[in-house]
Amino acid sequence: MEDVTDTVLRRVIARCGKPAVFFTEFTNVEGMFSKGERLVTQRLRYTEEERPLVVQIWGTRPENFFKAAKKLIDMGFDGIDLKKDFPQFQVGLYKSRSAALCQPSTL
């Protein structure tokens, strides 16, 4: 849920009944290396109370997934969940989702 399942909500949940693992909101790998990097990466803030924490990232460019994974490892996340070509609104623009199946080399 966009702008809902952030660090504040995860800490409330941790105090009420901590799950086995927490997940971040989806974060765009292209945005992590854009002019808006500061705004995009603010959703990656967390506290030790939220561990173990898996970061969820999505995007279209493999090189950005690679750079993002290195950065996220350095940030101390416990796991990385990759979502290629998400969300649906990009279907025509970036050959996302099912359109990507026509170009297996991009998967």
C-alpha atoms as a PDB file:
ATOM      1  CA  MET A   1       0.000   0.000   0.000  1.00  0.00           C
ATOM      2  CA  GLU A   2       1.588   3.211  -1.194  1.00  0.00           C
ATOM      3  CA  ASP A   3       2.634   5.604   1.582  1.00  0.00           C
ATOM      4  CA  VAL A   4       0.986   3.449   4.248  1.00  0.00           C
ATOM      5  CA  THR A   5       3.277   0.510   5.038  1.00  0.00           C
ATOM      6  CA  ASP A   6       6.215   2.688   6.035  1.00  0.00           C
ATOM      7  CA  THR A   7       8.585   2.596   9.006  1.00  0.00           C
ATOM      8  CA  VAL A   8       5.982   4.117  11.332  1.00  0.00           C
ATOM      9  CA  LEU A   9       3.373   1.436  10.597  1.00  0.00           C
ATOM     10  CA  ARG A  10       5.962  -1.349  10.802  1.00  0.00           C
ATOM     11  CA  ARG A  11       7.001  -0.137  14.283  1.00  0.00           C
ATOM     12  CA  VAL A  12       3.367  -0.051  15.446  1.00  0.00           C
ATOM     13  CA  ILE A  13       2.879  -3.587  14.162  1.00  0.00           C
ATOM     14  CA  ALA A  14       6.113  -4.721  15.836  1.00  0.00           C
ATOM     15  CA  ARG A  15       4.807  -3.492  19.183  1.00  0.00           C
ATOM     16  CA  CYS A  16       1.361  -5.068  18.753  1.00  0.00           C
ATOM     17  CA  GLY A  17       2.331  -8.460  17.379  1.00  0.00           C
ATOM     18  CA  LYS A  18       5.559  -8.735  15.451  1.00  0.00           C
ATOM     19  CA  PRO A  19       5.445 -10.946  12.327  1.00  0.00           C
ATOM     20  CA  ALA A  20       8.263 -13.270  11.283  1.00  0.00           C
ATOM     21  CA  VAL A  21       9.406 -10.798   8.623  1.00  0.00           C
ATOM     22  CA  PHE A  22       8.604  -7.249   7.510  1.00  0.00           C
ATOM     23  CA  PHE A  23       8.538  -5.891   3.949  1.00  0.00           C
ATOM     24  CA  THR A  24       9.092  -2.352   2.710  1.00  0.00           C
ATOM     25  CA  GLU A  25       6.869  -0.570   0.237  1.00  0.00           C
ATOM     26  CA  PHE A  26       7.826  -1.053  -3.405  1.00  0.00           C
ATOM     27  CA  THR A  27      10.730   1.200  -4.357  1.00  0.00           C
ATOM     28  CA  ASN A  28      11.622   2.025  -7.960  1.00  0.00           C
ATOM     29  CA  VAL A  29      15.255   1.307  -8.869  1.00  0.00           C
ATOM     30  CA  GLU A  30      15.285   3.988 -11.568  1.00  0.00           C
ATOM     31  CA  GLY A  31      14.090   6.507  -8.981  1.00  0.00           C
ATOM     32  CA  MET A  32      16.885   5.516  -6.615  1.00  0.00           C
ATOM     33  CA  PHE A  33      19.393   7.002  -9.082  1.00  0.00           C
ATOM     34  CA  SER A  34      17.417   9.982 -10.360  1.00  0.00           C
ATOM     35  CA  LYS A  35      17.144  13.640  -9.388  1.00  0.00           C
ATOM     36  CA  GLY A  36      14.385  12.557  -6.991  1.00  0.00           C
ATOM     37  CA  GLU A  37      16.646  10.046  -5.216  1.00  0.00           C
ATOM     38  CA  ARG A  38      16.164  11.664  -1.803  1.00  0.00           C
ATOM     39  CA  LEU A  39      12.379  11.366  -1.987  1.00  0.00           C
ATOM     40  CA  VAL A  40      12.474   7.820  -3.300  1.00  0.00           C
ATOM     41  CA  THR A  41      14.973   6.490  -0.771  1.00  0.00           C
ATOM     42  CA  GLN A  42      13.154   7.979   2.223  1.00  0.00           C
ATOM     43  CA  ARG A  43      10.790   5.002   2.009  1.00  0.00           C
ATOM     44  CA  LEU A  44      13.796   2.797   2.802  1.00  0.00           C
ATOM     45  CA  ARG A  45      14.249   4.133   6.320  1.00  0.00           C
ATOM     46  CA  TYR A  46      13.900   1.583   9.096  1.00  0.00           C
ATOM     47  CA  THR A  47      14.839   0.830  12.687  1.00  0.00           C
ATOM     48  CA  GLU A  48      16.260  -2.313  14.280  1.00  0.00           C
ATOM     49  CA  GLU A  49      12.794  -2.958  15.721  1.00  0.00           C
ATOM     50  CA  GLU A  50      11.617  -3.779  12.165  1.00  0.00           C
ATOM     51  CA  ARG A  51      14.032  -6.652  11.551  1.00  0.00           C
ATOM     52  CA  PRO A  52      14.136  -8.930   9.721  1.00  0.00           C
ATOM     53  CA  LEU A  53      13.264  -6.567   6.878  1.00  0.00           C
ATOM     54  CA  VAL A  54      13.024  -7.395   3.176  1.00  0.00           C
ATOM     55  CA  VAL A  55      13.151  -4.505   0.715  1.00  0.00           C
ATOM     56  CA  GLN A  56      10.898  -4.716  -2.369  1.00  0.00           C
ATOM     57  CA  ILE A  57      12.238  -3.092  -5.531  1.00  0.00           C
ATOM     58  CA  TRP A  58      10.875  -2.802  -9.040  1.00  0.00           C
ATOM     59  CA  GLY A  59      12.050  -1.337 -12.320  1.00  0.00           C
ATOM     60  CA  THR A  60      12.919  -1.962 -15.925  1.00  0.00           C
ATOM     61  CA  ARG A  61      16.692  -1.591 -16.317  1.00  0.00           C
ATOM     62  CA  PRO A  62      18.895  -4.521 -15.190  1.00  0.00           C
ATOM     63  CA  GLU A  63      21.861  -2.231 -14.537  1.00  0.00           C
ATOM     64  CA  ASN A  64      19.760  -0.250 -12.039  1.00  0.00           C
ATOM     65  CA  PHE A  65      18.700  -3.446 -10.252  1.00  0.00           C
ATOM     66  CA  PHE A  66      22.394  -4.293  -9.892  1.00  0.00           C
ATOM     67  CA  LYS A  67      23.322  -0.849  -8.524  1.00  0.00           C
ATOM     68  CA  ALA A  68      20.296  -0.861  -6.228  1.00  0.00           C
ATOM     69  CA  ALA A  69      21.109  -4.318  -4.853  1.00  0.00           C
ATOM     70  CA  LYS A  70      24.641  -3.220  -3.955  1.00  0.00           C
ATOM     71  CA  LYS A  71      23.315  -0.097  -2.244  1.00  0.00           C
ATOM     72  CA  LEU A  72      20.619  -2.021  -0.358  1.00  0.00           C
ATOM     73  CA  ILE A  73      23.132  -4.587   0.892  1.00  0.00           C
ATOM     74  CA  ASP A  74      25.237  -1.711   2.229  1.00  0.00           C
ATOM     75  CA  MET A  75      22.115  -0.295   3.909  1.00  0.00           C
ATOM     76  CA  GLY A  76      21.764  -3.548   5.848  1.00  0.00           C
ATOM     77  CA  PHE A  77      18.524  -5.067   4.539  1.00  0.00           C
ATOM     78  CA  ASP A  78      17.981  -8.729   5.363  1.00  0.00           C
ATOM     79  CA  GLY A  79      16.648  -9.625   1.925  1.00  0.00           C
ATOM     80  CA  ILE A  80      15.773  -8.154  -1.472  1.00  0.00           C
ATOM     81  CA  ASP A  81      12.562  -8.956  -3.376  1.00  0.00           C
ATOM     82  CA  LEU A  82      12.843  -8.108  -7.096  1.00  0.00           C
ATOM     83  CA  LYS A  83       9.787  -7.198  -9.147  1.00  0.00           C
ATOM     84  CA  LYS A  84      10.658  -6.705 -12.786  1.00  0.00           C
ATOM     85  CA  ASP A  85       8.409  -4.479 -14.872  1.00  0.00           C
ATOM     86  CA  PHE A  86       5.922  -3.486 -12.194  1.00  0.00           C
ATOM     87  CA  PRO A  87       3.353  -1.816 -12.120  1.00  0.00           C
ATOM     88  CA  GLN A  88       0.775  -2.188 -14.886  1.00  0.00           C
ATOM     89  CA  PHE A  89       0.557   1.480 -15.866  1.00  0.00           C
ATOM     90  CA  GLN A  90       3.857   1.171 -17.735  1.00  0.00           C
ATOM     91  CA  VAL A  91       2.751  -1.525 -20.159  1.00  0.00           C
ATOM     92  CA  GLY A  92       3.180   0.368 -23.436  1.00  0.00           C
ATOM     93  CA  LEU A  93       5.891   2.699 -22.229  1.00  0.00           C
ATOM     94  CA  TYR A  94       8.600   0.287 -21.085  1.00  0.00           C
ATOM     95  CA  LYS A  95       7.387  -3.016 -22.524  1.00  0.00           C
ATOM     96  CA  SER A  96       6.456  -4.124 -19.069  1.00  0.00           C
ATOM     97  CA  ARG A  97       4.742  -7.174 -17.649  1.00  0.00           C
ATOM     98  CA  SER A  98       3.351  -9.518 -20.328  1.00  0.00           C
ATOM     99  CA  ALA A  99       4.887  -7.462 -23.152  1.00  0.00           C
ATOM    100  CA  ALA A 100       8.291  -8.352 -21.736  1.00  0.00           C
ATOM    101  CA  LEU A 101       7.627 -12.018 -22.540  1.00  0.00           C
ATOM    102  CA  CYS A 102       8.085 -11.175 -26.206  1.00  0.00           C
ATOM    103  CA  GLN A 103      11.697 -10.212 -25.388  1.00  0.00           C
ATOM    104  CA  PRO A 104      13.043 -13.020 -23.165  1.00  0.00           C
ATOM    105  CA  SER A 105      16.525 -11.461 -23.133  1.00  0.00           C
ATOM    106  CA  THR A 106      15.154  -8.636 -20.951  1.00  0.00           C
ATOM    107  CA  LEU A 107      13.859 -10.992 -18.254  1.00  0.00           C
END
